[in-house]
Amino acid sequence: MDLILRRLLRAGVRRGIAGNWYWFLFAAAAFVLRRTLGDKGGVVSTLTVSPGEQVLITVRDGRAVATAPTSSTTADVS
């Protein structure tokens, strides 16, 4: 399906540049369909977890400045 939409998109753009402006509309529709149907669901990573294993997932802002991890242990001063 992607191959057909890609060929229609290229043909629409070529014919649009050649002077038939309405082919640009056709190419735009093919572009939108191609983008919509080609969505992979946004899977970043997969991981198999066995019984008894634990997984820690942390999320942070990608634009934030990375900082060094802080230690949560406190020293006991006597």
PDB file of N, CA and C in Angstrom:
ATOM      1  N   MET A   1       0.824  -1.188   0.000  1.00  0.00           N
ATOM      2  CA  MET A   1       0.000   0.000   0.000  1.00  0.00           C
ATOM      3  C   MET A   1       0.872   1.257   0.000  1.00  0.00           C
ATOM      4  N   ASP A   2       1.967   1.193   0.740  1.00  0.00           N
ATOM      5  CA  ASP A   2       2.868   2.346   0.803  1.00  0.00           C
ATOM      6  C   ASP A   2       3.488   2.630  -0.565  1.00  0.00           C
ATOM      7  N   LEU A   3       3.804   1.584  -1.302  1.00  0.00           N
ATOM      8  CA  LEU A   3       4.394   1.759  -2.626  1.00  0.00           C
ATOM      9  C   LEU A   3       3.427   2.474  -3.568  1.00  0.00           C
ATOM     10  N   ILE A   4       2.163   2.102  -3.516  1.00  0.00           N
ATOM     11  CA  ILE A   4       1.155   2.734  -4.376  1.00  0.00           C
ATOM     12  C   ILE A   4       0.991   4.206  -4.009  1.00  0.00           C
ATOM     13  N   LEU A   5       0.887   4.494  -2.725  1.00  0.00           N
ATOM     14  CA  LEU A   5       0.722   5.879  -2.295  1.00  0.00           C
ATOM     15  C   LEU A   5       1.952   6.725  -2.632  1.00  0.00           C
ATOM     16  N   ARG A   6       3.135   6.133  -2.523  1.00  0.00           N
ATOM     17  CA  ARG A   6       4.354   6.863  -2.860  1.00  0.00           C
ATOM     18  C   ARG A   6       4.391   7.209  -4.351  1.00  0.00           C
ATOM     19  N   ARG A   7       3.993   6.255  -5.186  1.00  0.00           N
ATOM     20  CA  ARG A   7       3.977   6.523  -6.629  1.00  0.00           C
ATOM     21  C   ARG A   7       2.937   7.568  -6.990  1.00  0.00           C
ATOM     22  N   LEU A   8       1.761   7.513  -6.328  1.00  0.00           N
ATOM     23  CA  LEU A   8       0.738   8.519  -6.578  1.00  0.00           C
ATOM     24  C   LEU A   8       1.202   9.899  -6.121  1.00  0.00           C
ATOM     25  N   LEU A   9       1.901   9.945  -5.008  1.00  0.00           N
ATOM     26  CA  LEU A   9       2.429  11.210  -4.508  1.00  0.00           C
ATOM     27  C   LEU A   9       3.438  11.806  -5.498  1.00  0.00           C
ATOM     28  N   ARG A  10       4.361  10.988  -5.971  1.00  0.00           N
ATOM     29  CA  ARG A  10       5.358  11.481  -6.926  1.00  0.00           C
ATOM     30  C   ARG A  10       4.711  11.938  -8.224  1.00  0.00           C
ATOM     31  N   ALA A  11       3.736  11.156  -8.706  1.00  0.00           N
ATOM     32  CA  ALA A  11       3.071  11.530  -9.960  1.00  0.00           C
ATOM     33  C   ALA A  11       2.294  12.830  -9.784  1.00  0.00           C
ATOM     34  N   GLY A  12       1.641  12.980  -8.650  1.00  0.00           N
ATOM     35  CA  GLY A  12       0.888  14.205  -8.393  1.00  0.00           C
ATOM     36  C   GLY A  12       1.768  15.432  -8.329  1.00  0.00           C
ATOM     37  N   VAL A  13       2.925  15.293  -7.693  1.00  0.00           N
ATOM     38  CA  VAL A  13       3.844  16.429  -7.594  1.00  0.00           C
ATOM     39  C   VAL A  13       4.407  16.765  -8.966  1.00  0.00           C
ATOM     40  N   ARG A  14       4.805  15.742  -9.734  1.00  0.00           N
ATOM     41  CA  ARG A  14       5.348  15.998 -11.074  1.00  0.00           C
ATOM     42  C   ARG A  14       4.336  16.689 -11.974  1.00  0.00           C
ATOM     43  N   ARG A  15       3.103  16.200 -11.954  1.00  0.00           N
ATOM     44  CA  ARG A  15       2.083  16.812 -12.802  1.00  0.00           C
ATOM     45  C   ARG A  15       1.686  18.187 -12.286  1.00  0.00           C
ATOM     46  N   GLY A  16       1.767  18.387 -10.974  1.00  0.00           N
ATOM     47  CA  GLY A  16       1.491  19.703 -10.418  1.00  0.00           C
ATOM     48  C   GLY A  16       2.526  20.721 -10.841  1.00  0.00           C
ATOM     49  N   ILE A  17       3.780  20.306 -10.830  1.00  0.00           N
ATOM     50  CA  ILE A  17       4.854  21.200 -11.271  1.00  0.00           C
ATOM     51  C   ILE A  17       4.723  21.488 -12.763  1.00  0.00           C
ATOM     52  N   ALA A  18       4.225  20.510 -13.516  1.00  0.00           N
ATOM     53  CA  ALA A  18       4.085  20.679 -14.967  1.00  0.00           C
ATOM     54  C   ALA A  18       3.003  21.693 -15.322  1.00  0.00           C
ATOM     55  N   GLY A  19       2.172  22.092 -14.365  1.00  0.00           N
ATOM     56  CA  GLY A  19       1.204  23.133 -14.647  1.00  0.00           C
ATOM     57  C   GLY A  19      -0.224  22.814 -14.253  1.00  0.00           C
ATOM     58  N   ASN A  20      -0.506  21.585 -13.905  1.00  0.00           N
ATOM     59  CA  ASN A  20      -1.860  21.217 -13.485  1.00  0.00           C
ATOM     60  C   ASN A  20      -1.946  21.338 -11.967  1.00  0.00           C
ATOM     61  N   TRP A  21      -2.355  22.490 -11.490  1.00  0.00           N
ATOM     62  CA  TRP A  21      -2.319  22.785 -10.054  1.00  0.00           C
ATOM     63  C   TRP A  21      -3.193  21.843  -9.244  1.00  0.00           C
ATOM     64  N   TYR A  22      -4.262  21.298  -9.805  1.00  0.00           N
ATOM     65  CA  TYR A  22      -5.161  20.436  -9.035  1.00  0.00           C
ATOM     66  C   TYR A  22      -4.501  19.103  -8.688  1.00  0.00           C
ATOM     67  N   TRP A  23      -3.430  18.757  -9.376  1.00  0.00           N
ATOM     68  CA  TRP A  23      -2.705  17.545  -9.014  1.00  0.00           C
ATOM     69  C   TRP A  23      -1.987  17.707  -7.681  1.00  0.00           C
ATOM     70  N   PHE A  24      -1.698  18.944  -7.296  1.00  0.00           N
ATOM     71  CA  PHE A  24      -1.123  19.180  -5.973  1.00  0.00           C
ATOM     72  C   PHE A  24      -2.091  18.746  -4.874  1.00  0.00           C
ATOM     73  N   LEU A  25      -3.382  18.946  -5.092  1.00  0.00           N
ATOM     74  CA  LEU A  25      -4.384  18.486  -4.122  1.00  0.00           C
ATOM     75  C   LEU A  25      -4.364  16.969  -4.019  1.00  0.00           C
ATOM     76  N   PHE A  26      -4.247  16.323  -5.160  1.00  0.00           N
ATOM     77  CA  PHE A  26      -4.164  14.869  -5.193  1.00  0.00           C
ATOM     78  C   PHE A  26      -2.914  14.386  -4.453  1.00  0.00           C
ATOM     79  N   ALA A  27      -1.791  15.042  -4.679  1.00  0.00           N
ATOM     80  CA  ALA A  27      -0.545  14.681  -4.010  1.00  0.00           C
ATOM     81  C   ALA A  27      -0.641  14.916  -2.505  1.00  0.00           C
ATOM     82  N   ALA A  28      -1.306  15.988  -2.104  1.00  0.00           N
ATOM     83  CA  ALA A  28      -1.473  16.269  -0.676  1.00  0.00           C
ATOM     84  C   ALA A  28      -2.318  15.190  -0.012  1.00  0.00           C
ATOM     85  N   ALA A  29      -3.366  14.754  -0.680  1.00  0.00           N
ATOM     86  CA  ALA A  29      -4.212  13.691  -0.126  1.00  0.00           C
ATOM     87  C   ALA A  29      -3.420  12.389  -0.001  1.00  0.00           C
ATOM     88  N   ALA A  30      -2.612  12.069  -1.005  1.00  0.00           N
ATOM     89  CA  ALA A  30      -1.785  10.865  -0.946  1.00  0.00           C
ATOM     90  C   ALA A  30      -0.758  10.973   0.175  1.00  0.00           C
ATOM     91  N   PHE A  31      -0.205  12.170   0.386  1.00  0.00           N
ATOM     92  CA  PHE A  31       0.765  12.377   1.461  1.00  0.00           C
ATOM     93  C   PHE A  31       0.126  12.145   2.831  1.00  0.00           C
ATOM     94  N   VAL A  32      -1.068  12.698   3.024  1.00  0.00           N
ATOM     95  CA  VAL A  32      -1.758  12.532   4.312  1.00  0.00           C
ATOM     96  C   VAL A  32      -2.095  11.065   4.554  1.00  0.00           C
ATOM     97  N   LEU A  33      -2.592  10.387   3.541  1.00  0.00           N
ATOM     98  CA  LEU A  33      -2.903   8.960   3.690  1.00  0.00           C
ATOM     99  C   LEU A  33      -1.654   8.147   4.004  1.00  0.00           C
ATOM    100  N   ARG A  34      -0.569   8.466   3.336  1.00  0.00           N
ATOM    101  CA  ARG A  34       0.677   7.737   3.565  1.00  0.00           C
ATOM    102  C   ARG A  34       1.177   7.936   4.985  1.00  0.00           C
ATOM    103  N   ARG A  35       1.104   9.160   5.467  1.00  0.00           N
ATOM    104  CA  ARG A  35       1.535   9.433   6.841  1.00  0.00           C
ATOM    105  C   ARG A  35       0.624   8.764   7.869  1.00  0.00           C
ATOM    106  N   THR A  36      -0.663   8.753   7.606  1.00  0.00           N
ATOM    107  CA  THR A  36      -1.618   8.172   8.544  1.00  0.00           C
ATOM    108  C   THR A  36      -1.494   6.653   8.595  1.00  0.00           C
ATOM    109  N   LEU A  37      -1.413   6.021   7.443  1.00  0.00           N
ATOM    110  CA  LEU A  37      -1.368   4.561   7.393  1.00  0.00           C
ATOM    111  C   LEU A  37      -0.006   4.012   7.776  1.00  0.00           C
ATOM    112  N   GLY A  38       1.043   4.822   7.693  1.00  0.00           N
ATOM    113  CA  GLY A  38       2.386   4.350   7.992  1.00  0.00           C
ATOM    114  C   GLY A  38       2.790   4.500   9.441  1.00  0.00           C
ATOM    115  N   ASP A  39       1.865   4.903  10.312  1.00  0.00           N
ATOM    116  CA  ASP A  39       2.197   5.100  11.716  1.00  0.00           C
ATOM    117  C   ASP A  39       2.525   3.761  12.359  1.00  0.00           C
ATOM    118  N   LYS A  40       3.662   3.670  13.017  1.00  0.00           N
ATOM    119  CA  LYS A  40       4.097   2.431  13.644  1.00  0.00           C
ATOM    120  C   LYS A  40       3.695   2.324  15.114  1.00  0.00           C
ATOM    121  N   GLY A  41       3.014   3.299  15.650  1.00  0.00           N
ATOM    122  CA  GLY A  41       2.564   3.229  17.029  1.00  0.00           C
ATOM    123  C   GLY A  41       3.521   3.833  18.032  1.00  0.00           C
ATOM    124  N   GLY A  42       4.669   4.280  17.607  1.00  0.00           N
ATOM    125  CA  GLY A  42       5.587   4.954  18.500  1.00  0.00           C
ATOM    126  C   GLY A  42       6.291   4.061  19.501  1.00  0.00           C
ATOM    127  N   VAL A  43       6.565   2.810  19.160  1.00  0.00           N
ATOM    128  CA  VAL A  43       7.265   1.913  20.067  1.00  0.00           C
ATOM    129  C   VAL A  43       8.726   2.332  20.118  1.00  0.00           C
ATOM    130  N   VAL A  44       9.210   2.617  21.306  1.00  0.00           N
ATOM    131  CA  VAL A  44      10.598   3.035  21.476  1.00  0.00           C
ATOM    132  C   VAL A  44      11.481   1.834  21.767  1.00  0.00           C
ATOM    133  N   SER A  45      11.010   0.951  22.609  1.00  0.00           N
ATOM    134  CA  SER A  45      11.812  -0.192  23.002  1.00  0.00           C
ATOM    135  C   SER A  45      10.898  -1.319  23.475  1.00  0.00           C
ATOM    136  N   THR A  46      11.370  -2.534  23.343  1.00  0.00           N
ATOM    137  CA  THR A  46      10.641  -3.678  23.884  1.00  0.00           C
ATOM    138  C   THR A  46      11.565  -4.418  24.838  1.00  0.00           C
ATOM    139  N   LEU A  47      10.977  -5.030  25.831  1.00  0.00           N
ATOM    140  CA  LEU A  47      11.754  -5.720  26.848  1.00  0.00           C
ATOM    141  C   LEU A  47      10.946  -6.901  27.360  1.00  0.00           C
ATOM    142  N   THR A  48      11.568  -8.052  27.423  1.00  0.00           N
ATOM    143  CA  THR A  48      10.923  -9.230  27.978  1.00  0.00           C
ATOM    144  C   THR A  48      11.269  -9.311  29.458  1.00  0.00           C
ATOM    145  N   VAL A  49      10.253  -9.415  30.290  1.00  0.00           N
ATOM    146  CA  VAL A  49      10.447  -9.461  31.736  1.00  0.00           C
ATOM    147  C   VAL A  49      10.028 -10.833  32.236  1.00  0.00           C
ATOM    148  N   SER A  50      10.925 -11.471  32.955  1.00  0.00           N
ATOM    149  CA  SER A  50      10.629 -12.770  33.543  1.00  0.00           C
ATOM    150  C   SER A  50       9.942 -12.581  34.883  1.00  0.00           C
ATOM    151  N   PRO A  51       9.219 -13.590  35.353  1.00  0.00           N
ATOM    152  CA  PRO A  51       8.583 -13.485  36.673  1.00  0.00           C
ATOM    153  C   PRO A  51       9.626 -13.222  37.754  1.00  0.00           C
ATOM    154  N   GLY A  52       9.339 -12.271  38.622  1.00  0.00           N
ATOM    155  CA  GLY A  52      10.238 -11.920  39.713  1.00  0.00           C
ATOM    156  C   GLY A  52      11.173 -10.765  39.385  1.00  0.00           C
ATOM    157  N   GLU A  53      11.316 -10.399  38.118  1.00  0.00           N
ATOM    158  CA  GLU A  53      12.160  -9.276  37.746  1.00  0.00           C
ATOM    159  C   GLU A  53      11.386  -7.975  37.884  1.00  0.00           C
ATOM    160  N   GLN A  54      12.122  -6.902  38.104  1.00  0.00           N
ATOM    161  CA  GLN A  54      11.519  -5.587  38.219  1.00  0.00           C
ATOM    162  C   GLN A  54      12.123  -4.656  37.179  1.00  0.00           C
ATOM    163  N   VAL A  55      11.312  -3.732  36.693  1.00  0.00           N
ATOM    164  CA  VAL A  55      11.770  -2.755  35.711  1.00  0.00           C
ATOM    165  C   VAL A  55      11.440  -1.370  36.239  1.00  0.00           C
ATOM    166  N   LEU A  56      12.407  -0.480  36.219  1.00  0.00           N
ATOM    167  CA  LEU A  56      12.207   0.895  36.635  1.00  0.00           C
ATOM    168  C   LEU A  56      12.238   1.780  35.397  1.00  0.00           C
ATOM    169  N   ILE A  57      11.147   2.485  35.151  1.00  0.00           N
ATOM    170  CA  ILE A  57      11.051   3.378  34.002  1.00  0.00           C
ATOM    171  C   ILE A  57      10.972   4.797  34.529  1.00  0.00           C
ATOM    172  N   THR A  58      11.888   5.639  34.057  1.00  0.00           N
ATOM    173  CA  THR A  58      11.866   7.038  34.455  1.00  0.00           C
ATOM    174  C   THR A  58      11.634   7.893  33.221  1.00  0.00           C
ATOM    175  N   VAL A  59      10.951   9.002  33.419  1.00  0.00           N
ATOM    176  CA  VAL A  59      10.646   9.909  32.329  1.00  0.00           C
ATOM    177  C   VAL A  59      11.095  11.300  32.744  1.00  0.00           C
ATOM    178  N   ARG A  60      11.789  11.980  31.837  1.00  0.00           N
ATOM    179  CA  ARG A  60      12.198  13.343  32.112  1.00  0.00           C
ATOM    180  C   ARG A  60      12.025  14.155  30.840  1.00  0.00           C
ATOM    181  N   ASP A  61      12.037  15.445  30.995  1.00  0.00           N
ATOM    182  CA  ASP A  61      11.926  16.352  29.863  1.00  0.00           C
ATOM    183  C   ASP A  61      13.215  16.291  29.060  1.00  0.00           C
ATOM    184  N   GLY A  62      13.105  16.017  27.756  1.00  0.00           N
ATOM    185  CA  GLY A  62      14.282  15.905  26.908  1.00  0.00           C
ATOM    186  C   GLY A  62      15.042  17.203  26.763  1.00  0.00           C
ATOM    187  N   ARG A  63      14.381  18.328  26.999  1.00  0.00           N
ATOM    188  CA  ARG A  63      15.048  19.626  26.884  1.00  0.00           C
ATOM    189  C   ARG A  63      15.707  20.057  28.180  1.00  0.00           C
ATOM    190  N   ALA A  64      15.433  19.345  29.276  1.00  0.00           N
ATOM    191  CA  ALA A  64      15.998  19.714  30.576  1.00  0.00           C
ATOM    192  C   ALA A  64      17.486  19.364  30.625  1.00  0.00           C
ATOM    193  N   VAL A  65      18.217  20.101  31.399  1.00  0.00           N
ATOM    194  CA  VAL A  65      19.642  19.863  31.569  1.00  0.00           C
ATOM    195  C   VAL A  65      19.826  18.631  32.447  1.00  0.00           C
ATOM    196  N   ALA A  66      20.673  17.726  32.001  1.00  0.00           N
ATOM    197  CA  ALA A  66      20.933  16.513  32.772  1.00  0.00           C
ATOM    198  C   ALA A  66      21.758  16.855  33.999  1.00  0.00           C
ATOM    199  N   THR A  67      21.387  16.283  35.120  1.00  0.00           N
ATOM    200  CA  THR A  67      22.124  16.511  36.366  1.00  0.00           C
ATOM    201  C   THR A  67      22.634  15.175  36.894  1.00  0.00           C
ATOM    202  N   ALA A  68      23.657  15.234  37.727  1.00  0.00           N
ATOM    203  CA  ALA A  68      24.199  14.022  38.331  1.00  0.00           C
ATOM    204  C   ALA A  68      23.203  13.490  39.354  1.00  0.00           C
ATOM    205  N   PRO A  69      23.071  12.170  39.434  1.00  0.00           N
ATOM    206  CA  PRO A  69      22.159  11.595  40.417  1.00  0.00           C
ATOM    207  C   PRO A  69      22.619  11.905  41.833  1.00  0.00           C
ATOM    208  N   THR A  70      21.663  12.154  42.701  1.00  0.00           N
ATOM    209  CA  THR A  70      21.997  12.448  44.096  1.00  0.00           C
ATOM    210  C   THR A  70      21.863  11.180  44.913  1.00  0.00           C
ATOM    211  N   SER A  71      22.687  11.078  45.922  1.00  0.00           N
ATOM    212  CA  SER A  71      22.663   9.904  46.794  1.00  0.00           C
ATOM    213  C   SER A  71      21.557  10.089  47.827  1.00  0.00           C
ATOM    214  N   SER A  72      20.758   9.054  48.029  1.00  0.00           N
ATOM    215  CA  SER A  72      19.670   9.148  48.993  1.00  0.00           C
ATOM    216  C   SER A  72      20.096   8.664  50.368  1.00  0.00           C
ATOM    217  N   THR A  73      21.330   8.194  50.508  1.00  0.00           N
ATOM    218  CA  THR A  73      21.788   7.755  51.821  1.00  0.00           C
ATOM    219  C   THR A  73      22.364   8.939  52.584  1.00  0.00           C
ATOM    220  N   THR A  74      22.188   8.919  53.872  1.00  0.00           N
ATOM    221  CA  THR A  74      22.722   9.976  54.723  1.00  0.00           C
ATOM    222  C   THR A  74      23.783   9.385  55.656  1.00  0.00           C
ATOM    223  N   ALA A  75      24.772  10.162  55.896  1.00  0.00           N
ATOM    224  CA  ALA A  75      25.846   9.698  56.794  1.00  0.00           C
ATOM    225  C   ALA A  75      25.412   9.966  58.233  1.00  0.00           C
ATOM    226  N   ASP A  76      25.641   8.978  59.088  1.00  0.00           N
ATOM    227  CA  ASP A  76      25.324   9.113  60.506  1.00  0.00           C
ATOM    228  C   ASP A  76      26.569   9.606  61.234  1.00  0.00           C
ATOM    229  N   VAL A  77      26.503  10.857  61.655  1.00  0.00           N
ATOM    230  CA  VAL A  77      27.639  11.445  62.358  1.00  0.00           C
ATOM    231  C   VAL A  77      27.353  11.380  63.845  1.00  0.00           C
ATOM    232  N   SER A  78      28.278  10.767  64.602  1.00  0.00           N
ATOM    233  CA  SER A  78      28.065  10.641  66.048  1.00  0.00           C
ATOM    234  C   SER A  78      29.006  11.531  66.801  1.00  0.00           C
TER     235      SER A  78
END
